[in-house]
Amino acid sequence: MDKKATFHITIESMVILILGVVFLGLGLTFLTVVYLGMEKSTDHAFDELTKHRIELLMSTDRQFDLEFYSIDLEENDRKIFFMIIKNKGLFDEEWQINHTVNSLGNEVDCDKLQIAYKNNIKLRSGEDTIPPLIIKSERDINPGTCLYELTAENNEGIIETLELTVNIK
């Protein structure tokens, strides 16, 4: 017996298959356009605000400076702001940033504040960097004031010190 297998497809099946592929393509195109549009609109809004904050910080003449010297935090709150480090020298520099904290009152426990920043920063000659500084309070922190002393020291021994006051409400 000599039987040959045949592949038989009707016109209706071909039309349904083509419509399915077309609708799949249209759906993927629609989703891509919608999500890319959302990304561009939120990036633009965030960039304008951040750009303005950075421009204000760039206007400083200091080598090491903060966007704010005093901030207010509530329980379980977080603040993100910027610091700037400028290399005004002719050679590459490496900066080490450290901090100490002191309580300005008996009730507040400054250990319940978390501070995060980039500790080791390398800059080329004439380069500036603006890393973020994040301070977060825990849920059960008592009201009071903590005083942070931020110290930036470069590889040439130049030391810059700033004070940051954190008021816990």
Protein backbone atom coordinates (compact mmCIF):
# COMPACT_ATOMS: atom_id res chain seq x y z
CA MET A 1 0.00 0.00 0.00
CA ASP A 2 1.25 3.28 -1.02
CA LYS A 3 -0.39 6.04 1.05
CA LYS A 4 0.82 9.60 1.04
CA ALA A 5 0.16 11.96 3.89
CA THR A 6 -1.40 15.21 2.84
CA PHE A 7 -1.65 18.48 4.60
CA HIS A 8 -4.99 20.00 3.95
CA ILE A 9 -5.82 23.50 5.22
CA THR A 10 -8.98 25.31 4.42
CA ILE A 11 -9.29 28.94 3.47
CA GLU A 12 -11.16 29.60 6.71
CA SER A 13 -8.24 28.24 8.75
CA MET A 14 -5.78 30.40 6.83
CA VAL A 15 -7.89 33.53 7.41
CA ILE A 16 -8.15 32.80 11.15
CA LEU A 17 -4.37 32.18 11.36
CA ILE A 18 -3.53 35.43 9.53
CA LEU A 19 -5.96 37.44 11.67
CA GLY A 20 -4.44 35.94 14.83
CA VAL A 21 -0.91 36.96 13.78
CA VAL A 22 -2.07 40.47 12.83
CA PHE A 23 -3.87 40.99 16.15
CA LEU A 24 -0.88 39.66 18.07
CA GLY A 25 1.38 42.15 16.28
CA LEU A 26 -1.03 45.02 16.91
CA GLY A 27 -1.34 44.10 20.59
CA LEU A 28 2.43 43.95 21.08
CA THR A 29 2.89 47.26 19.27
CA PHE A 30 0.20 48.90 21.41
CA LEU A 31 1.75 47.65 24.67
CA THR A 32 5.22 48.78 23.61
CA VAL A 33 4.01 52.27 22.73
CA VAL A 34 2.00 52.61 25.96
CA TYR A 35 4.83 51.47 28.25
CA LEU A 36 7.51 53.52 26.49
CA GLY A 37 5.26 56.57 26.68
CA MET A 38 4.74 56.08 30.41
CA GLU A 39 8.47 55.70 31.00
CA LYS A 40 9.31 58.88 29.09
CA SER A 41 6.67 60.96 30.89
CA THR A 42 7.75 59.93 34.41
CA ASP A 43 11.46 60.24 33.60
CA HIS A 44 10.92 63.74 32.25
CA ALA A 45 9.08 64.91 35.38
CA PHE A 46 11.65 63.42 37.73
CA ASP A 47 14.57 64.70 35.70
CA GLU A 48 13.35 68.32 35.74
CA LEU A 49 13.06 68.38 39.54
CA THR A 50 16.34 66.56 40.06
CA LYS A 51 18.07 68.73 37.47
CA HIS A 52 16.97 71.88 39.29
CA ARG A 53 18.19 70.54 42.65
CA ILE A 54 21.54 69.57 41.14
CA GLU A 55 21.97 72.96 39.45
CA LEU A 56 21.47 74.67 42.80
CA LEU A 57 24.03 72.38 44.40
CA MET A 58 26.52 72.88 41.54
CA SER A 59 26.55 76.64 42.18
CA THR A 60 28.49 76.16 45.43
CA ASP A 61 32.17 77.12 45.59
CA ARG A 62 32.96 74.50 48.22
CA GLN A 63 34.73 71.25 47.40
CA PHE A 64 32.37 69.23 49.62
CA ASP A 65 28.83 70.45 50.27
CA LEU A 66 25.31 69.25 51.06
CA GLU A 67 21.98 70.13 49.51
CA PHE A 68 20.50 70.65 53.00
CA TYR A 69 22.09 71.22 56.42
CA SER A 70 18.95 70.44 58.39
CA ILE A 71 16.15 67.97 57.71
CA ASP A 72 13.00 66.88 59.52
CA LEU A 73 12.05 63.23 59.83
CA GLU A 74 9.07 61.46 61.33
CA GLU A 75 8.83 57.87 62.52
CA ASN A 76 9.49 55.37 59.75
CA ASP A 77 10.36 58.20 57.32
CA ARG A 78 13.08 58.52 54.70
CA LYS A 79 14.76 61.51 53.04
CA ILE A 80 16.97 61.41 49.98
CA PHE A 81 19.11 64.40 49.11
CA PHE A 82 22.43 65.10 47.45
CA MET A 83 25.97 66.00 48.37
CA ILE A 84 28.59 67.31 45.98
CA ILE A 85 32.30 66.61 45.78
CA LYS A 86 34.45 68.62 43.39
CA ASN A 87 37.98 67.88 42.25
CA LYS A 88 39.50 71.31 41.73
CA GLY A 89 43.00 69.90 41.43
CA LEU A 90 45.13 68.94 38.44
CA PHE A 91 45.31 65.25 39.34
CA ASP A 92 42.87 62.45 40.01
CA GLU A 93 41.64 62.30 43.60
CA GLU A 94 40.10 59.66 45.81
CA TRP A 95 37.75 60.80 48.57
CA GLN A 96 36.80 58.87 51.71
CA ILE A 97 33.57 59.94 53.39
CA ASN A 98 32.80 59.06 57.01
CA HIS A 99 30.43 60.30 59.66
CA THR A 100 29.91 60.51 63.39
CA VAL A 101 26.60 61.15 65.13
CA ASN A 102 25.74 62.76 68.46
CA SER A 103 22.42 63.09 70.23
CA LEU A 104 21.34 66.58 71.23
CA GLY A 105 19.00 65.41 73.96
CA ASN A 106 18.53 62.49 76.30
CA GLU A 107 15.40 61.00 74.77
CA VAL A 108 16.44 60.42 71.16
CA ASP A 109 18.37 57.29 70.15
CA CYS A 110 20.39 58.27 67.08
CA ASP A 111 21.28 54.60 66.49
CA LYS A 112 17.70 54.20 65.22
CA LEU A 113 18.59 56.41 62.26
CA GLN A 114 20.19 54.77 59.25
CA ILE A 115 22.40 56.81 56.95
CA ALA A 116 23.64 55.57 53.59
CA TYR A 117 26.03 57.16 51.09
CA LYS A 118 28.91 56.20 48.85
CA ASN A 119 32.02 56.01 51.05
CA ASN A 120 34.80 55.84 48.47
CA ILE A 121 34.65 58.24 45.52
CA LYS A 122 37.23 58.57 42.74
CA LEU A 123 37.30 61.76 40.67
CA ARG A 124 39.33 62.77 37.66
CA SER A 125 40.87 66.22 37.43
CA GLY A 126 38.15 68.89 37.21
CA GLU A 127 35.35 66.35 37.68
CA ASP A 128 32.36 66.78 40.00
CA THR A 129 30.11 64.07 41.42
CA ILE A 130 26.76 64.35 43.12
CA PRO A 131 25.99 61.12 45.00
CA PRO A 132 22.76 60.70 46.96
CA LEU A 133 22.63 60.62 50.74
CA ILE A 134 19.76 58.67 52.33
CA ILE A 135 18.59 58.96 55.93
CA LYS A 136 15.87 56.66 57.27
CA SER A 137 14.27 56.53 60.70
CA GLU A 138 12.88 53.44 62.37
CA ARG A 139 9.29 53.03 63.46
CA ASP A 140 9.77 53.46 67.23
CA ILE A 141 12.24 56.35 67.36
CA ASN A 142 11.73 59.03 70.01
CA PRO A 143 11.54 62.72 69.05
CA GLY A 144 14.70 64.75 69.34
CA THR A 145 17.71 65.99 67.38
CA CYS A 146 20.74 64.15 66.05
CA LEU A 147 23.82 65.96 64.80
CA TYR A 148 25.83 64.24 62.06
CA GLU A 149 29.35 65.31 61.27
CA LEU A 150 30.28 64.28 57.73
CA THR A 151 33.96 64.24 56.93
CA ALA A 152 35.43 63.97 53.44
CA GLU A 153 39.17 63.40 53.10
CA ASN A 154 41.04 63.10 49.84
CA ASN A 155 44.27 61.22 49.14
CA GLU A 156 46.27 64.47 49.54
CA GLY A 157 45.10 64.87 53.13
CA ILE A 158 42.61 67.69 52.48
CA ILE A 159 39.74 67.36 54.96
CA GLU A 160 36.32 68.96 54.56
CA THR A 161 33.75 68.72 57.38
CA LEU A 162 30.03 69.47 57.33
CA GLU A 163 27.32 69.25 59.96
CA LEU A 164 23.86 67.85 59.24
CA THR A 165 21.08 68.31 61.80
CA VAL A 166 18.29 65.71 61.77
CA ASN A 167 15.17 66.71 63.69
CA ILE A 168 12.96 63.76 64.57
CA LYS A 169 9.34 64.78 65.10
